[in-house]
Amino acid sequence: LTAAAILPLVAFWFFLSKASMPQVSNGYVALAAGLAVLRQMYTPNFFGFTYVQTILLLQFSINQLARPKNEKDFGYFLYPAIVALPLTFVGWMESTMCSTMVRDFLYGHLAYDAYIPVAMMTWYATVHHRQQRAAATGSKMKKL
C-alpha cells in the first residue's frame, strides 16, 4: 500500500476514534487509530462495516468505563441499555441479514442510521425527565 492510500485511512480512524474518545489525549487516540488501521489491513472488505462498528463501540466503551466515578450516574447507566446494546444488535442484523430481511423490510442501512438519533433522543428525554422530576421534589439523582 502507498502513503496516498494509507493517509486517508489513518485520518478516518483518528477522527472517528477522537469522536468516540473525546477526553483521551491525542497520542493515545493516534495509537488507537494506528492499531485500527493495522488490523483493518487484515480484515476482508466484506466485513468492513462490522469491523468499523466493532472498533467504534469498543473505543466508546473503554472511554465510558474510564470516566471518573463522580460522572457515573443514572444517565451513564441508562445509555448502554437504550443506545449502545440495541445499536449493536441492529448493526449485527444489518451485517448478517442485509440481503434478506433488512433490505426488504427495514430498507438496509436506513434502519441503523435511523435508530441512532431515535435512541439518543429517547435516552436524553428519559434522563432529562428524571432530572426535572428530581429537581421538583428536591431530591438528588443517585450516583452509581
Protein backbone atom coordinates (compact mmCIF):
# COMPACT_ATOMS: atom_id res chain seq x y z
CA LEU A 1 0.00 0.00 0.00
CA THR A 2 1.11 3.51 -0.74
CA ALA A 3 1.08 6.52 1.58
CA ALA A 4 -1.67 8.04 -0.58
CA ALA A 5 -3.84 5.02 0.24
CA ILE A 6 -2.99 4.84 3.95
CA LEU A 7 -3.18 8.54 4.92
CA PRO A 8 -6.96 8.89 4.34
CA LEU A 9 -7.48 5.67 6.30
CA VAL A 10 -5.35 6.95 9.20
CA ALA A 11 -7.23 10.28 9.14
CA PHE A 12 -10.59 8.45 9.12
CA TRP A 13 -9.64 6.33 12.12
CA PHE A 14 -8.02 9.19 14.01
CA PHE A 15 -11.06 11.47 13.79
CA LEU A 16 -13.55 8.65 14.38
CA SER A 17 -11.52 7.50 17.39
CA LYS A 18 -11.31 11.04 18.76
CA ALA A 19 -15.08 11.39 18.42
CA SER A 20 -15.65 8.20 20.39
CA MET A 21 -12.98 9.04 22.99
CA PRO A 22 -13.09 12.86 23.33
CA GLN A 23 -11.34 13.07 26.70
CA VAL A 24 -8.41 10.84 25.70
CA SER A 25 -5.17 12.55 24.71
CA ASN A 26 -4.32 12.77 21.02
CA GLY A 27 -1.30 10.49 21.50
CA TYR A 28 -3.46 7.61 22.71
CA VAL A 29 -6.05 8.35 20.03
CA ALA A 30 -3.29 8.18 17.40
CA LEU A 31 -2.16 4.84 18.85
CA ALA A 32 -5.73 3.50 18.73
CA ALA A 33 -6.12 4.75 15.17
CA GLY A 34 -2.84 3.15 14.12
CA LEU A 35 -3.87 -0.19 15.62
CA ALA A 36 -7.26 0.03 13.91
CA VAL A 37 -5.60 0.71 10.55
CA LEU A 38 -3.13 -2.13 11.05
CA ARG A 39 -5.88 -4.61 11.92
CA GLN A 40 -8.10 -3.38 9.10
CA MET A 41 -5.41 -4.33 6.57
CA TYR A 42 -6.02 -7.97 7.53
CA THR A 43 -9.81 -7.73 7.60
CA PRO A 44 -11.65 -8.68 4.39
CA ASN A 45 -13.63 -5.81 2.84
CA PHE A 46 -16.74 -7.94 3.23
CA PHE A 47 -16.54 -7.34 7.00
CA GLY A 48 -15.76 -3.62 6.72
CA PHE A 49 -18.99 -2.32 8.27
CA THR A 50 -18.88 -4.84 11.08
CA TYR A 51 -15.21 -4.07 11.76
CA VAL A 52 -15.76 -0.31 11.95
CA GLN A 53 -18.79 -0.75 14.21
CA THR A 54 -16.91 -3.14 16.49
CA ILE A 55 -13.88 -0.86 16.88
CA LEU A 56 -16.08 2.21 17.38
CA LEU A 57 -18.17 0.54 20.08
CA LEU A 58 -15.06 -0.90 21.75
CA GLN A 59 -13.40 2.52 21.90
CA PHE A 60 -16.58 4.18 23.14
CA SER A 61 -16.98 1.51 25.82
CA ILE A 62 -13.40 1.96 27.03
CA ASN A 63 -13.99 5.70 27.17
CA GLN A 64 -17.17 5.23 29.22
CA LEU A 65 -15.53 2.80 31.65
CA ALA A 66 -12.63 5.20 32.18
CA ARG A 67 -14.89 8.10 33.18
CA PRO A 68 -14.44 9.42 36.71
CA LYS A 69 -16.68 7.83 39.31
CA ASN A 70 -18.46 11.12 40.02
CA GLU A 71 -19.77 11.15 36.41
CA LYS A 72 -21.31 7.68 36.67
CA ASP A 73 -24.92 8.44 37.42
CA PHE A 74 -28.33 7.35 36.11
CA GLY A 75 -27.61 8.70 32.61
CA TYR A 76 -24.35 6.75 32.49
CA PHE A 77 -26.22 3.59 33.49
CA LEU A 78 -29.07 4.11 31.05
CA TYR A 79 -27.02 4.89 27.91
CA PRO A 80 -25.87 1.31 27.21
CA ALA A 81 -29.37 -0.05 27.81
CA ILE A 82 -31.14 2.35 25.44
CA VAL A 83 -28.47 3.21 22.87
CA ALA A 84 -25.35 1.02 22.76
CA LEU A 85 -26.60 -2.54 23.22
CA PRO A 86 -29.62 -2.28 20.91
CA LEU A 87 -27.45 -0.47 18.33
CA THR A 88 -25.08 -3.43 18.40
CA PHE A 89 -27.95 -5.80 17.62
CA VAL A 90 -29.23 -3.55 14.82
CA GLY A 91 -25.72 -3.45 13.35
CA TRP A 92 -25.38 -7.22 13.56
CA MET A 93 -28.76 -7.65 11.89
CA GLU A 94 -27.70 -5.35 9.11
CA SER A 95 -24.35 -7.02 8.56
CA THR A 96 -25.66 -10.59 8.67
CA MET A 97 -29.10 -10.25 7.09
CA CYS A 98 -28.79 -7.19 4.84
CA SER A 99 -29.51 -9.13 1.66
CA THR A 100 -32.72 -10.64 3.00
CA MET A 101 -34.81 -9.30 5.88
CA VAL A 102 -33.06 -5.97 6.47
CA ARG A 103 -33.01 -4.88 2.84
CA ASP A 104 -36.59 -5.93 2.14
CA PHE A 105 -38.30 -4.89 5.38
CA LEU A 106 -36.05 -2.33 7.06
CA TYR A 107 -34.57 -0.63 3.98
CA GLY A 108 -30.97 -1.68 4.62
CA HIS A 109 -28.71 0.85 6.30
CA LEU A 110 -31.64 3.21 6.94
CA ALA A 111 -32.67 1.16 9.99
CA TYR A 112 -29.19 1.50 11.51
CA ASP A 113 -28.90 5.22 10.79
CA ALA A 114 -32.45 5.95 11.96
CA TYR A 115 -32.02 4.07 15.22
CA ILE A 116 -29.11 6.24 16.39
CA PRO A 117 -30.97 9.59 16.68
CA VAL A 118 -34.18 7.94 17.89
CA ALA A 119 -32.30 6.12 20.66
CA MET A 120 -30.29 9.23 21.59
CA MET A 121 -33.45 11.35 21.84
CA THR A 122 -35.15 8.64 23.92
CA TRP A 123 -32.15 8.47 26.25
CA TYR A 124 -31.93 12.25 26.56
CA ALA A 125 -35.67 12.66 27.18
CA THR A 126 -35.63 9.94 29.85
CA VAL A 127 -32.63 11.42 31.68
CA HIS A 128 -33.98 14.97 31.35
CA HIS A 129 -37.40 13.95 32.66
CA ARG A 130 -35.82 12.21 35.63
CA GLN A 131 -33.61 15.21 36.42
CA GLN A 132 -36.60 17.57 36.19
CA ARG A 133 -38.61 15.33 38.50
CA ALA A 134 -35.71 15.14 40.97
CA ALA A 135 -35.33 18.93 40.91
CA ALA A 136 -39.06 19.43 41.51
CA THR A 137 -39.09 17.12 44.52
CA GLY A 138 -35.78 18.42 45.86
CA SER A 139 -34.08 15.03 45.72
CA LYS A 140 -30.78 14.26 44.04
CA MET A 141 -30.19 11.70 41.35
CA LYS A 142 -28.29 8.80 42.84
CA LYS A 143 -24.74 8.17 41.77
CA LEU A 144 -23.98 4.58 40.85
